C-alpha atoms as a PDB file:
ATOM      1  CA  MET A   1      -1.370  32.760  26.408  1.00  0.00           C
ATOM      2  CA  TYR A   2      -2.642  29.347  27.464  1.00  0.00           C
ATOM      3  CA  HIS A   3      -6.098  30.070  26.064  1.00  0.00           C
ATOM      4  CA  LEU A   4      -4.588  31.025  22.715  1.00  0.00           C
ATOM      5  CA  PHE A   5      -2.740  27.710  22.408  1.00  0.00           C
ATOM      6  CA  ASN A   6      -5.836  25.861  23.573  1.00  0.00           C
ATOM      7  CA  PHE A   7      -7.901  27.555  20.861  1.00  0.00           C
ATOM      8  CA  LEU A   8      -5.288  26.823  18.177  1.00  0.00           C
ATOM      9  CA  GLY A   9      -5.120  23.190  19.313  1.00  0.00           C
ATOM     10  CA  ASP A  10      -8.886  22.751  18.926  1.00  0.00           C
ATOM     11  CA  PHE A  11      -8.881  24.606  15.610  1.00  0.00           C
ATOM     12  CA  PHE A  12      -6.102  22.502  14.072  1.00  0.00           C
ATOM     13  CA  HIS A  13      -7.612  19.302  15.467  1.00  0.00           C
ATOM     14  CA  VAL A  14     -10.871  19.965  13.607  1.00  0.00           C
ATOM     15  CA  TYR A  15      -8.945  21.197  10.552  1.00  0.00           C
ATOM     16  CA  PHE A  16      -6.821  18.031  10.293  1.00  0.00           C
ATOM     17  CA  GLU A  17      -9.871  15.837  10.916  1.00  0.00           C
ATOM     18  CA  GLU A  18     -11.593  17.437   7.917  1.00  0.00           C
ATOM     19  CA  ILE A  19      -8.471  16.902   5.788  1.00  0.00           C
ATOM     20  CA  LEU A  20      -8.325  13.233   6.790  1.00  0.00           C
ATOM     21  CA  LYS A  21     -12.023  12.837   5.951  1.00  0.00           C
ATOM     22  CA  SER A  22     -11.528  14.328   2.490  1.00  0.00           C
ATOM     23  CA  PHE A  23      -8.460  12.127   1.925  1.00  0.00           C
ATOM     24  CA  ASN A  24     -10.441   9.045   2.956  1.00  0.00           C
ATOM     25  CA  ARG A  25     -13.247  10.032   0.588  1.00  0.00           C
ATOM     26  CA  PHE A  26     -10.736  10.553  -2.222  1.00  0.00           C
ATOM     27  CA  PHE A  27      -8.916   7.228  -1.706  1.00  0.00           C
ATOM     28  CA  THR A  28     -12.049   5.139  -1.130  1.00  0.00           C
ATOM     29  CA  SER A  29     -13.652   6.601  -4.257  1.00  0.00           C
ATOM     30  CA  GLY A  30     -10.862   4.865  -6.231  1.00  0.00           C
ATOM     31  CA  GLY A  31      -9.746   7.996  -8.077  1.00  0.00           C
ATOM     32  CA  PHE A  32      -6.122   7.625  -6.963  1.00  0.00           C
ATOM     33  CA  SER A  33      -5.878   3.838  -7.390  1.00  0.00           C
ATOM     34  CA  ASN A  34      -7.517   3.971 -10.826  1.00  0.00           C
ATOM     35  CA  LYS A  35      -4.959   6.499 -12.073  1.00  0.00           C
ATOM     36  CA  THR A  36      -2.035   4.389 -10.854  1.00  0.00           C
ATOM     37  CA  CYS A  37      -3.491   1.113 -12.151  1.00  0.00           C
ATOM     38  CA  LYS A  38      -3.984   2.465 -15.672  1.00  0.00           C
ATOM     39  CA  ARG A  39      -0.237   3.142 -15.997  1.00  0.00           C
END
């Protein structure tokens, strides 16, 4: 059971890191800020 949780922990850690990277790319590209500024 411990190995299963260990595996899930590593998997989600990498998964969330990728999500944060994509979010950073999205926000730094200015796509979100441009949409809000045009309002």
